[in-house]
Amino acid sequence: MSSSDYSSSGGEQEIEELNMFNYHRLTLIGGDFNRRSTNRTYIDRERGSGHDRLMQDYFNPNPTYDARIFRRHFRMQPRLFNRIMGDVVRYDPSFARRSDVVGHLGLSPEQKLTSALRMLAYGSPADQLDDYMRMGKSTVLEVFRKFCRAIVGIYSSTYLRALTPADLRILLHKASQRGFPGMIGSINCMHWEWRNYPTSWTGQYLGHNRKPTIILEAVASYNTWIWHAFFGPPGSNNDINVLGMSPVFDGVLNGSTPRVRFEVNGHTYDQCYYLADGIYPSWSTLVKTFSNPISNKEALFARCQEAHRKDVERAFGILQAR
């Protein structure tokens, strides 16, 4: 046998041994990977029929459910849904309806957005949307993640932002009309119940109602616009602890807060303030009510302060209702 024949046979043996090694390695790492692959069956969900049914129910002329029922089912008006759908499709082309390799039409934008909104509005599990949306669980979850990323990418610069000079002028003008010159919103915290929480975190997130909660700190304006939100502190904290973690007064500390000029009781001030309840500290940027008003003026101020402070409570009520 020549050296070339020997090296050739040796090389083939090495390749065979390497293949066997990789096979056993994948078997050990992947476990039942091969079994899962062979047992997986294709389900023809008839995506087209799901699209046709959804369109007839809500989107075609003379649909089964009118705009009033659409508003109740989707938690928004049809025109808002169409606006969001158009923006999302332009932002992420994967939401558009496309054909697969054999020419079959895929899922429509209406199906994809409806599945994502049902999960957000009702907390529907992905499996529950299979029969009506004609979408598999993995597809529903993928669409949901892409939808959330698209919403943040499209609207964060418009809605998740700090006050602009134009916004500030509007808020100050409205506050002056309501008898609180220099006021730019009401601040408060809300405990949001966390149902599917890790059991090991129970003690940290256990709130005052003995249920795990996550705290949302928000500043809301007269029209329930939440222009500041700080979400995430464990429910075991109170409003003062959350305020210490919140970035709401970062602008005051670094000197970037817009300066305004207004007069109250003959005194001139140059810093905006928020309406707050009694648990908050007595700072110049937080105006609280009189817990025990003595004079008629104090009683009137307490009534007005508590009435206007309900702006943030109404905003919380809208969030909880959704």
C-alpha atoms as a PDB file:
ATOM      1  CA  MET A   1       0.000   0.000   0.000  1.00  0.00           C
ATOM      2  CA  SER A   2       1.379   3.370  -0.963  1.00  0.00           C
ATOM      3  CA  SER A   3       1.679   6.265   1.420  1.00  0.00           C
ATOM      4  CA  SER A   4      -0.957   8.148  -0.565  1.00  0.00           C
ATOM      5  CA  ASP A   5      -3.420   5.257  -0.209  1.00  0.00           C
ATOM      6  CA  TYR A   6      -2.693   5.096   3.504  1.00  0.00           C
ATOM      7  CA  SER A   7      -3.193   8.825   4.000  1.00  0.00           C
ATOM      8  CA  SER A   8      -6.389   8.711   1.952  1.00  0.00           C
ATOM      9  CA  SER A   9      -7.878   5.892   3.989  1.00  0.00           C
ATOM     10  CA  GLY A  10      -6.703   7.550   7.206  1.00  0.00           C
ATOM     11  CA  GLY A  11      -8.316  10.830   6.210  1.00  0.00           C
ATOM     12  CA  GLU A  12     -11.619   9.115   5.460  1.00  0.00           C
ATOM     13  CA  GLN A  13     -11.493   7.382   8.823  1.00  0.00           C
ATOM     14  CA  GLU A  14     -10.835  10.688  10.584  1.00  0.00           C
ATOM     15  CA  ILE A  15     -13.785  12.297   8.811  1.00  0.00           C
ATOM     16  CA  GLU A  16     -16.024   9.385   9.779  1.00  0.00           C
ATOM     17  CA  GLU A  17     -14.893   9.580  13.401  1.00  0.00           C
ATOM     18  CA  LEU A  18     -15.432  13.357  13.410  1.00  0.00           C
ATOM     19  CA  ASN A  19     -18.944  12.912  12.063  1.00  0.00           C
ATOM     20  CA  MET A  20     -19.721  10.330  14.746  1.00  0.00           C
ATOM     21  CA  PHE A  21     -18.336  12.687  17.416  1.00  0.00           C
ATOM     22  CA  ASN A  22     -20.501  15.566  16.213  1.00  0.00           C
ATOM     23  CA  TYR A  23     -23.539  13.287  16.103  1.00  0.00           C
ATOM     24  CA  HIS A  24     -23.079  12.200  19.714  1.00  0.00           C
ATOM     25  CA  ARG A  25     -22.335  15.780  20.806  1.00  0.00           C
ATOM     26  CA  LEU A  26     -25.535  17.078  19.238  1.00  0.00           C
ATOM     27  CA  THR A  27     -27.456  14.210  20.781  1.00  0.00           C
ATOM     28  CA  LEU A  28     -26.143  15.066  24.244  1.00  0.00           C
ATOM     29  CA  ILE A  29     -26.678  18.834  23.883  1.00  0.00           C
ATOM     30  CA  GLY A  30     -29.887  18.827  21.946  1.00  0.00           C
ATOM     31  CA  GLY A  31     -31.537  16.003  23.860  1.00  0.00           C
ATOM     32  CA  ASP A  32     -34.663  15.095  21.958  1.00  0.00           C
ATOM     33  CA  PHE A  33     -33.977  17.591  19.150  1.00  0.00           C
ATOM     34  CA  ASN A  34     -34.224  14.967  16.407  1.00  0.00           C
ATOM     35  CA  ARG A  35     -37.361  13.469  17.894  1.00  0.00           C
ATOM     36  CA  ARG A  36     -39.049  16.859  18.118  1.00  0.00           C
ATOM     37  CA  SER A  37     -38.131  17.644  14.530  1.00  0.00           C
ATOM     38  CA  THR A  38     -39.542  14.392  13.171  1.00  0.00           C
ATOM     39  CA  ASN A  39     -42.717  14.592  15.284  1.00  0.00           C
ATOM     40  CA  ARG A  40     -43.530  18.138  14.270  1.00  0.00           C
ATOM     41  CA  THR A  41     -46.460  18.204  11.876  1.00  0.00           C
ATOM     42  CA  TYR A  42     -47.547  20.948   9.534  1.00  0.00           C
ATOM     43  CA  ILE A  43     -51.018  22.360  10.163  1.00  0.00           C
ATOM     44  CA  ASP A  44     -52.829  24.063   7.332  1.00  0.00           C
ATOM     45  CA  ARG A  45     -54.626  26.765   9.289  1.00  0.00           C
ATOM     46  CA  GLU A  46     -56.266  28.241   6.192  1.00  0.00           C
ATOM     47  CA  ARG A  47     -54.916  31.705   6.868  1.00  0.00           C
ATOM     48  CA  GLY A  48     -56.955  33.117   4.018  1.00  0.00           C
ATOM     49  CA  SER A  49     -60.244  32.084   5.600  1.00  0.00           C
ATOM     50  CA  GLY A  50     -59.146  33.677   8.867  1.00  0.00           C
ATOM     51  CA  HIS A  51     -58.411  36.920   7.018  1.00  0.00           C
ATOM     52  CA  ASP A  52     -61.764  36.842   5.203  1.00  0.00           C
ATOM     53  CA  ARG A  53     -63.644  36.220   8.438  1.00  0.00           C
ATOM     54  CA  LEU A  54     -61.865  39.041  10.254  1.00  0.00           C
ATOM     55  CA  MET A  55     -62.455  41.466   7.388  1.00  0.00           C
ATOM     56  CA  GLN A  56     -66.163  40.640   7.274  1.00  0.00           C
ATOM     57  CA  ASP A  57     -66.475  41.010  11.028  1.00  0.00           C
ATOM     58  CA  TYR A  58     -64.825  44.427  11.324  1.00  0.00           C
ATOM     59  CA  PHE A  59     -63.247  45.978   8.227  1.00  0.00           C
ATOM     60  CA  ASN A  60     -65.385  45.391   5.123  1.00  0.00           C
ATOM     61  CA  PRO A  61     -68.189  47.769   4.129  1.00  0.00           C
ATOM     62  CA  ASN A  62     -71.272  46.892   6.211  1.00  0.00           C
ATOM     63  CA  PRO A  63     -69.311  44.709   8.651  1.00  0.00           C
ATOM     64  CA  THR A  64     -70.910  42.314  11.111  1.00  0.00           C
ATOM     65  CA  TYR A  65     -69.871  44.524  14.046  1.00  0.00           C
ATOM     66  CA  ASP A  66     -70.345  48.278  13.752  1.00  0.00           C
ATOM     67  CA  ALA A  67     -67.974  51.000  14.953  1.00  0.00           C
ATOM     68  CA  ARG A  68     -69.472  51.009  18.450  1.00  0.00           C
ATOM     69  CA  ILE A  69     -68.751  47.296  18.949  1.00  0.00           C
ATOM     70  CA  PHE A  70     -65.359  47.705  17.237  1.00  0.00           C
ATOM     71  CA  ARG A  71     -64.518  50.327  19.863  1.00  0.00           C
ATOM     72  CA  ARG A  72     -65.451  47.932  22.646  1.00  0.00           C
ATOM     73  CA  HIS A  73     -63.577  44.954  21.199  1.00  0.00           C
ATOM     74  CA  PHE A  74     -60.387  46.776  20.171  1.00  0.00           C
ATOM     75  CA  ARG A  75     -60.402  49.535  22.835  1.00  0.00           C
ATOM     76  CA  MET A  76     -60.022  52.120  20.054  1.00  0.00           C
ATOM     77  CA  GLN A  77     -61.887  53.647  17.123  1.00  0.00           C
ATOM     78  CA  PRO A  78     -61.529  52.087  13.626  1.00  0.00           C
ATOM     79  CA  ARG A  79     -59.738  55.168  12.281  1.00  0.00           C
ATOM     80  CA  LEU A  80     -57.102  54.896  15.021  1.00  0.00           C
ATOM     81  CA  PHE A  81     -56.589  51.211  14.219  1.00  0.00           C
ATOM     82  CA  ASN A  82     -56.109  52.017  10.530  1.00  0.00           C
ATOM     83  CA  ARG A  83     -53.658  54.791  11.364  1.00  0.00           C
ATOM     84  CA  ILE A  84     -51.576  52.502  13.590  1.00  0.00           C
ATOM     85  CA  MET A  85     -51.681  49.716  11.008  1.00  0.00           C
ATOM     86  CA  GLY A  86     -50.418  52.005   8.258  1.00  0.00           C
ATOM     87  CA  ASP A  87     -47.621  53.361  10.446  1.00  0.00           C
ATOM     88  CA  VAL A  88     -46.543  49.885  11.573  1.00  0.00           C
ATOM     89  CA  VAL A  89     -46.483  48.469   8.029  1.00  0.00           C
ATOM     90  CA  ARG A  90     -44.338  51.380   6.857  1.00  0.00           C
ATOM     91  CA  TYR A  91     -42.003  50.954   9.825  1.00  0.00           C
ATOM     92  CA  ASP A  92     -41.704  47.157   9.591  1.00  0.00           C
ATOM     93  CA  PRO A  93     -42.462  45.674   6.134  1.00  0.00           C
ATOM     94  CA  SER A  94     -42.828  42.194   7.656  1.00  0.00           C
ATOM     95  CA  PHE A  95     -46.348  43.226   8.732  1.00  0.00           C
ATOM     96  CA  ALA A  96     -47.420  43.540   5.100  1.00  0.00           C
ATOM     97  CA  ARG A  97     -49.174  40.602   3.481  1.00  0.00           C
ATOM     98  CA  ARG A  98     -46.739  38.553   1.413  1.00  0.00           C
ATOM     99  CA  SER A  99     -46.714  35.304  -0.527  1.00  0.00           C
ATOM    100  CA  ASP A 100     -44.691  32.251   0.450  1.00  0.00           C
ATOM    101  CA  VAL A 101     -42.456  30.204  -1.876  1.00  0.00           C
ATOM    102  CA  VAL A 102     -45.412  28.345  -3.381  1.00  0.00           C
ATOM    103  CA  GLY A 103     -47.473  31.484  -3.957  1.00  0.00           C
ATOM    104  CA  HIS A 104     -49.857  31.195  -0.990  1.00  0.00           C
ATOM    105  CA  LEU A 105     -50.778  34.488   0.641  1.00  0.00           C
ATOM    106  CA  GLY A 106     -49.569  34.881   4.208  1.00  0.00           C
ATOM    107  CA  LEU A 107     -51.114  36.606   7.188  1.00  0.00           C
ATOM    108  CA  SER A 108     -52.591  40.043   6.603  1.00  0.00           C
ATOM    109  CA  PRO A 109     -51.714  43.198   8.572  1.00  0.00           C
ATOM    110  CA  GLU A 110     -55.216  43.126  10.055  1.00  0.00           C
ATOM    111  CA  GLN A 111     -54.634  39.628  11.452  1.00  0.00           C
ATOM    112  CA  LYS A 112     -51.239  40.508  12.885  1.00  0.00           C
ATOM    113  CA  LEU A 113     -52.307  43.750  14.545  1.00  0.00           C
ATOM    114  CA  THR A 114     -55.520  42.242  15.881  1.00  0.00           C
ATOM    115  CA  SER A 115     -53.622  39.403  17.545  1.00  0.00           C
ATOM    116  CA  ALA A 116     -51.149  41.822  19.161  1.00  0.00           C
ATOM    117  CA  LEU A 117     -53.878  44.178  20.358  1.00  0.00           C
ATOM    118  CA  ARG A 118     -55.939  41.321  21.810  1.00  0.00           C
ATOM    119  CA  MET A 119     -52.937  40.253  23.867  1.00  0.00           C
ATOM    120  CA  LEU A 120     -52.354  43.813  25.077  1.00  0.00           C
ATOM    121  CA  ALA A 121     -55.985  44.737  25.709  1.00  0.00           C
ATOM    122  CA  TYR A 122     -57.225  41.502  27.265  1.00  0.00           C
ATOM    123  CA  GLY A 123     -54.093  39.593  28.260  1.00  0.00           C
ATOM    124  CA  SER A 124     -55.088  36.797  25.893  1.00  0.00           C
ATOM    125  CA  PRO A 125     -52.603  33.894  25.717  1.00  0.00           C
ATOM    126  CA  ALA A 126     -51.085  33.167  22.332  1.00  0.00           C
ATOM    127  CA  ASP A 127     -52.774  29.761  22.072  1.00  0.00           C
ATOM    128  CA  GLN A 128     -56.208  31.312  22.487  1.00  0.00           C
ATOM    129  CA  LEU A 129     -55.827  33.316  19.265  1.00  0.00           C
ATOM    130  CA  ASP A 130     -55.102  30.274  17.105  1.00  0.00           C
ATOM    131  CA  ASP A 131     -58.624  29.278  16.098  1.00  0.00           C
ATOM    132  CA  TYR A 132     -59.920  32.764  15.219  1.00  0.00           C
ATOM    133  CA  MET A 133     -56.774  34.480  13.928  1.00  0.00           C
ATOM    134  CA  ARG A 134     -55.475  31.292  12.230  1.00  0.00           C
ATOM    135  CA  MET A 135     -52.044  31.957  13.685  1.00  0.00           C
ATOM    136  CA  GLY A 136     -49.752  29.541  15.484  1.00  0.00           C
ATOM    137  CA  LYS A 137     -48.474  30.307  18.972  1.00  0.00           C
ATOM    138  CA  SER A 138     -44.897  31.018  17.875  1.00  0.00           C
ATOM    139  CA  THR A 139     -46.132  33.337  15.112  1.00  0.00           C
ATOM    140  CA  VAL A 140     -48.403  35.222  17.513  1.00  0.00           C
ATOM    141  CA  LEU A 141     -45.538  35.786  19.955  1.00  0.00           C
ATOM    142  CA  GLU A 142     -43.158  36.895  17.206  1.00  0.00           C
ATOM    143  CA  VAL A 143     -45.730  39.353  15.845  1.00  0.00           C
ATOM    144  CA  PHE A 144     -46.382  40.631  19.362  1.00  0.00           C
ATOM    145  CA  ARG A 145     -42.700  41.377  19.976  1.00  0.00           C
ATOM    146  CA  LYS A 146     -42.309  43.097  16.615  1.00  0.00           C
ATOM    147  CA  PHE A 147     -45.466  45.129  17.202  1.00  0.00           C
ATOM    148  CA  CYS A 148     -44.230  46.423  20.568  1.00  0.00           C
ATOM    149  CA  ARG A 149     -40.853  47.363  19.081  1.00  0.00           C
ATOM    150  CA  ALA A 150     -42.589  49.133  16.199  1.00  0.00           C
ATOM    151  CA  ILE A 151     -44.885  51.129  18.491  1.00  0.00           C
ATOM    152  CA  VAL A 152     -41.949  52.321  20.586  1.00  0.00           C
ATOM    153  CA  GLY A 153     -39.917  53.143  17.490  1.00  0.00           C
ATOM    154  CA  ILE A 154     -42.737  55.071  15.820  1.00  0.00           C
ATOM    155  CA  TYR A 155     -44.396  56.974  18.640  1.00  0.00           C
ATOM    156  CA  SER A 156     -41.804  57.355  21.392  1.00  0.00           C
ATOM    157  CA  SER A 157     -40.542  60.665  20.021  1.00  0.00           C
ATOM    158  CA  THR A 158     -44.112  62.016  19.996  1.00  0.00           C
ATOM    159  CA  TYR A 159     -45.673  60.661  23.179  1.00  0.00           C
ATOM    160  CA  LEU A 160     -42.819  59.411  25.385  1.00  0.00           C
ATOM    161  CA  ARG A 161     -40.959  62.695  25.642  1.00  0.00           C
ATOM    162  CA  ALA A 162     -40.358  65.621  27.924  1.00  0.00           C
ATOM    163  CA  LEU A 163     -42.319  68.841  27.692  1.00  0.00           C
ATOM    164  CA  THR A 164     -41.561  71.124  24.783  1.00  0.00           C
ATOM    165  CA  PRO A 165     -41.775  74.927  25.136  1.00  0.00           C
ATOM    166  CA  ALA A 166     -45.116  74.828  23.301  1.00  0.00           C
ATOM    167  CA  ASP A 167     -46.457  72.149  25.677  1.00  0.00           C
ATOM    168  CA  LEU A 168     -45.280  74.176  28.661  1.00  0.00           C
ATOM    169  CA  ARG A 169     -47.055  77.311  27.468  1.00  0.00           C
ATOM    170  CA  ILE A 170     -50.323  75.411  27.036  1.00  0.00           C
ATOM    171  CA  LEU A 171     -50.110  73.793  30.475  1.00  0.00           C
ATOM    172  CA  LEU A 172     -49.248  77.067  32.205  1.00  0.00           C
ATOM    173  CA  HIS A 173     -52.070  78.910  30.442  1.00  0.00           C
ATOM    174  CA  LYS A 174     -54.609  76.264  31.414  1.00  0.00           C
ATOM    175  CA  ALA A 175     -53.334  76.128  35.004  1.00  0.00           C
ATOM    176  CA  SER A 176     -53.620  79.901  35.314  1.00  0.00           C
ATOM    177  CA  GLN A 177     -57.234  79.712  34.147  1.00  0.00           C
ATOM    178  CA  ARG A 178     -57.916  77.106  36.830  1.00  0.00           C
ATOM    179  CA  GLY A 179     -56.437  79.280  39.570  1.00  0.00           C
ATOM    180  CA  PHE A 180     -53.022  77.624  39.880  1.00  0.00           C
ATOM    181  CA  PRO A 181     -50.463  79.724  37.971  1.00  0.00           C
ATOM    182  CA  GLY A 182     -47.157  77.905  37.530  1.00  0.00           C
ATOM    183  CA  MET A 183     -48.661  74.423  37.943  1.00  0.00           C
ATOM    184  CA  ILE A 184     -47.702  71.896  35.234  1.00  0.00           C
ATOM    185  CA  GLY A 185     -49.446  68.733  36.415  1.00  0.00           C
ATOM    186  CA  SER A 186     -50.441  66.433  39.250  1.00  0.00           C
ATOM    187  CA  ILE A 187     -48.091  63.725  40.534  1.00  0.00           C
ATOM    188  CA  ASN A 188     -49.036  60.455  42.215  1.00  0.00           C
ATOM    189  CA  CYS A 189     -48.284  56.722  42.293  1.00  0.00           C
ATOM    190  CA  MET A 190     -50.409  53.708  41.427  1.00  0.00           C
ATOM    191  CA  HIS A 191     -49.881  50.059  42.352  1.00  0.00           C
ATOM    192  CA  TRP A 192     -50.297  47.776  39.334  1.00  0.00           C
ATOM    193  CA  GLU A 193     -51.114  44.182  40.301  1.00  0.00           C
ATOM    194  CA  TRP A 194     -48.595  41.642  38.968  1.00  0.00           C
ATOM    195  CA  ARG A 195     -50.343  38.320  38.487  1.00  0.00           C
ATOM    196  CA  ASN A 196     -47.755  36.058  36.858  1.00  0.00           C
ATOM    197  CA  TYR A 197     -44.862  36.994  39.101  1.00  0.00           C
ATOM    198  CA  PRO A 198     -41.858  34.821  40.083  1.00  0.00           C
ATOM    199  CA  THR A 199     -42.694  33.357  43.480  1.00  0.00           C
ATOM    200  CA  SER A 200     -39.190  34.094  44.765  1.00  0.00           C
ATOM    201  CA  TRP A 201     -39.909  37.832  44.356  1.00  0.00           C
ATOM    202  CA  THR A 202     -43.149  37.804  46.351  1.00  0.00           C
ATOM    203  CA  GLY A 203     -41.827  39.574  49.450  1.00  0.00           C
ATOM    204  CA  GLN A 204     -40.119  42.347  47.504  1.00  0.00           C
ATOM    205  CA  TYR A 205     -43.172  43.163  45.385  1.00  0.00           C
ATOM    206  CA  LEU A 206     -45.858  42.639  48.050  1.00  0.00           C
ATOM    207  CA  GLY A 207     -47.864  45.860  48.220  1.00  0.00           C
ATOM    208  CA  HIS A 208     -50.202  47.373  50.764  1.00  0.00           C
ATOM    209  CA  ASN A 209     -53.102  45.241  49.506  1.00  0.00           C
ATOM    210  CA  ARG A 210     -51.112  42.047  50.205  1.00  0.00           C
ATOM    211  CA  LYS A 211     -50.711  41.278  46.514  1.00  0.00           C
ATOM    212  CA  PRO A 212     -47.539  41.584  44.391  1.00  0.00           C
ATOM    213  CA  THR A 213     -47.607  44.928  42.599  1.00  0.00           C
ATOM    214  CA  ILE A 214     -45.408  47.160  40.462  1.00  0.00           C
ATOM    215  CA  ILE A 215     -45.543  50.897  41.074  1.00  0.00           C
ATOM    216  CA  LEU A 216     -46.210  53.495  38.389  1.00  0.00           C
ATOM    217  CA  GLU A 217     -45.347  57.109  39.176  1.00  0.00           C
ATOM    218  CA  ALA A 218     -46.924  59.549  36.756  1.00  0.00           C
ATOM    219  CA  VAL A 219     -47.491  63.247  36.159  1.00  0.00           C
ATOM    220  CA  ALA A 220     -50.744  63.966  34.330  1.00  0.00           C
ATOM    221  CA  SER A 221     -52.105  67.195  32.890  1.00  0.00           C
ATOM    222  CA  TYR A 222     -55.650  68.566  32.793  1.00  0.00           C
ATOM    223  CA  ASN A 223     -56.503  66.422  29.731  1.00  0.00           C
ATOM    224  CA  THR A 224     -55.107  63.211  31.331  1.00  0.00           C
ATOM    225  CA  TRP A 225     -51.950  63.368  29.210  1.00  0.00           C
ATOM    226  CA  ILE A 226     -49.268  61.460  31.126  1.00  0.00           C
ATOM    227  CA  TRP A 227     -46.113  63.294  30.133  1.00  0.00           C
ATOM    228  CA  HIS A 228     -43.921  61.740  32.835  1.00  0.00           C
ATOM    229  CA  ALA A 229     -43.983  58.050  33.803  1.00  0.00           C
ATOM    230  CA  PHE A 230     -41.648  56.047  36.015  1.00  0.00           C
ATOM    231  CA  PHE A 231     -42.600  52.366  36.068  1.00  0.00           C
ATOM    232  CA  GLY A 232     -40.946  49.433  37.770  1.00  0.00           C
ATOM    233  CA  PRO A 233     -40.306  49.961  41.516  1.00  0.00           C
ATOM    234  CA  PRO A 234     -41.426  47.005  43.676  1.00  0.00           C
ATOM    235  CA  GLY A 235     -44.773  47.311  45.415  1.00  0.00           C
ATOM    236  CA  SER A 236     -43.200  47.241  48.874  1.00  0.00           C
ATOM    237  CA  ASN A 237     -42.102  50.878  48.369  1.00  0.00           C
ATOM    238  CA  ASN A 238     -44.202  53.920  49.177  1.00  0.00           C
ATOM    239  CA  ASP A 239     -44.569  57.158  47.233  1.00  0.00           C
ATOM    240  CA  ILE A 240     -41.603  58.825  48.950  1.00  0.00           C
ATOM    241  CA  ASN A 241     -39.262  55.912  48.176  1.00  0.00           C
ATOM    242  CA  VAL A 242     -40.365  55.974  44.544  1.00  0.00           C
ATOM    243  CA  LEU A 243     -39.829  59.745  44.377  1.00  0.00           C
ATOM    244  CA  GLY A 244     -36.247  59.220  45.537  1.00  0.00           C
ATOM    245  CA  MET A 245     -35.623  56.815  42.631  1.00  0.00           C
ATOM    246  CA  SER A 246     -37.586  58.797  40.050  1.00  0.00           C
ATOM    247  CA  PRO A 247     -35.964  61.115  37.477  1.00  0.00           C
ATOM    248  CA  VAL A 248     -38.850  63.594  37.685  1.00  0.00           C
ATOM    249  CA  PHE A 249     -36.700  66.233  39.434  1.00  0.00           C
ATOM    250  CA  ASP A 250     -33.443  65.555  37.600  1.00  0.00           C
ATOM    251  CA  GLY A 251     -33.960  68.743  35.624  1.00  0.00           C
ATOM    252  CA  VAL A 252     -34.179  70.756  38.838  1.00  0.00           C
ATOM    253  CA  LEU A 253     -30.931  69.266  40.126  1.00  0.00           C
ATOM    254  CA  ASN A 254     -28.919  69.849  36.956  1.00  0.00           C
ATOM    255  CA  GLY A 255     -30.426  73.262  36.256  1.00  0.00           C
ATOM    256  CA  SER A 256     -32.145  72.386  32.982  1.00  0.00           C
ATOM    257  CA  THR A 257     -35.707  73.031  34.163  1.00  0.00           C
ATOM    258  CA  PRO A 258     -37.418  75.783  32.131  1.00  0.00           C
ATOM    259  CA  ARG A 259     -37.709  79.044  34.036  1.00  0.00           C
ATOM    260  CA  VAL A 260     -41.119  80.663  34.207  1.00  0.00           C
ATOM    261  CA  ARG A 261     -42.386  83.783  35.922  1.00  0.00           C
ATOM    262  CA  PHE A 262     -45.647  84.013  37.826  1.00  0.00           C
ATOM    263  CA  GLU A 263     -46.979  85.830  40.875  1.00  0.00           C
ATOM    264  CA  VAL A 264     -48.974  84.464  43.819  1.00  0.00           C
ATOM    265  CA  ASN A 265     -50.079  86.585  46.803  1.00  0.00           C
ATOM    266  CA  GLY A 266     -47.667  89.344  45.847  1.00  0.00           C
ATOM    267  CA  HIS A 267     -44.654  87.025  45.610  1.00  0.00           C
ATOM    268  CA  THR A 268     -42.853  86.308  42.330  1.00  0.00           C
ATOM    269  CA  TYR A 269     -41.731  82.763  41.530  1.00  0.00           C
ATOM    270  CA  ASP A 270     -39.626  81.369  38.683  1.00  0.00           C
ATOM    271  CA  GLN A 271     -40.055  77.605  39.091  1.00  0.00           C
ATOM    272  CA  CYS A 272     -42.958  75.358  38.118  1.00  0.00           C
ATOM    273  CA  TYR A 273     -44.624  73.038  40.603  1.00  0.00           C
ATOM    274  CA  TYR A 274     -46.847  69.943  40.841  1.00  0.00           C
ATOM    275  CA  LEU A 275     -49.959  69.228  42.866  1.00  0.00           C
ATOM    276  CA  ALA A 276     -49.395  66.345  45.290  1.00  0.00           C
ATOM    277  CA  ASP A 277     -51.087  64.597  48.196  1.00  0.00           C
ATOM    278  CA  GLY A 278     -50.059  64.699  51.837  1.00  0.00           C
ATOM    279  CA  ILE A 279     -47.486  61.879  51.802  1.00  0.00           C
ATOM    280  CA  TYR A 280     -45.064  63.846  49.619  1.00  0.00           C
ATOM    281  CA  PRO A 281     -42.337  66.017  51.209  1.00  0.00           C
ATOM    282  CA  SER A 282     -42.843  69.746  51.721  1.00  0.00           C
ATOM    283  CA  TRP A 283     -40.814  71.028  48.788  1.00  0.00           C
ATOM    284  CA  SER A 284     -41.292  74.228  46.834  1.00  0.00           C
ATOM    285  CA  THR A 285     -41.966  72.151  43.708  1.00  0.00           C
ATOM    286  CA  LEU A 286     -44.771  70.186  45.404  1.00  0.00           C
ATOM    287  CA  VAL A 287     -47.935  71.993  46.482  1.00  0.00           C
ATOM    288  CA  LYS A 288     -50.097  70.025  48.904  1.00  0.00           C
ATOM    289  CA  THR A 289     -53.507  70.640  50.399  1.00  0.00           C
ATOM    290  CA  PHE A 290     -54.352  71.766  53.934  1.00  0.00           C
ATOM    291  CA  SER A 291     -55.075  68.661  55.978  1.00  0.00           C
ATOM    292  CA  ASN A 292     -57.001  70.703  58.564  1.00  0.00           C
ATOM    293  CA  PRO A 293     -58.074  74.006  56.986  1.00  0.00           C
ATOM    294  CA  ILE A 294     -58.944  76.693  59.497  1.00  0.00           C
ATOM    295  CA  SER A 295     -59.993  79.761  57.530  1.00  0.00           C
ATOM    296  CA  ASN A 296     -62.396  79.975  54.613  1.00  0.00           C
ATOM    297  CA  LYS A 297     -59.478  80.720  52.286  1.00  0.00           C
ATOM    298  CA  GLU A 298     -57.682  77.545  53.348  1.00  0.00           C
ATOM    299  CA  ALA A 299     -60.860  75.511  52.919  1.00  0.00           C
ATOM    300  CA  LEU A 300     -61.384  76.939  49.418  1.00  0.00           C
ATOM    301  CA  PHE A 301     -57.776  76.235  48.479  1.00  0.00           C
ATOM    302  CA  ALA A 302     -58.046  72.666  49.793  1.00  0.00           C
ATOM    303  CA  ARG A 303     -61.178  72.003  47.731  1.00  0.00           C
ATOM    304  CA  CYS A 304     -59.632  73.396  44.543  1.00  0.00           C
ATOM    305  CA  GLN A 305     -56.300  71.623  45.050  1.00  0.00           C
ATOM    306  CA  GLU A 306     -57.961  68.264  45.684  1.00  0.00           C
ATOM    307  CA  ALA A 307     -60.276  68.720  42.700  1.00  0.00           C
ATOM    308  CA  HIS A 308     -57.475  69.535  40.254  1.00  0.00           C
ATOM    309  CA  ARG A 309     -55.219  66.831  41.701  1.00  0.00           C
ATOM    310  CA  LYS A 310     -57.765  64.320  40.463  1.00  0.00           C
ATOM    311  CA  ASP A 311     -56.318  64.784  36.959  1.00  0.00           C
ATOM    312  CA  VAL A 312     -53.749  62.090  37.671  1.00  0.00           C
ATOM    313  CA  GLU A 313     -56.360  59.914  39.386  1.00  0.00           C
ATOM    314  CA  ARG A 314     -58.530  60.067  36.270  1.00  0.00           C
ATOM    315  CA  ALA A 315     -55.524  59.094  34.153  1.00  0.00           C
ATOM    316  CA  PHE A 316     -54.916  56.091  36.415  1.00  0.00           C
ATOM    317  CA  GLY A 317     -58.575  55.161  36.122  1.00  0.00           C
ATOM    318  CA  ILE A 318     -58.329  55.156  32.332  1.00  0.00           C
ATOM    319  CA  LEU A 319     -55.263  52.896  32.457  1.00  0.00           C
ATOM    320  CA  GLN A 320     -56.935  50.471  34.850  1.00  0.00           C
ATOM    321  CA  ALA A 321     -60.120  50.387  32.767  1.00  0.00           C
ATOM    322  CA  ARG A 322     -58.108  49.311  29.729  1.00  0.00           C
END
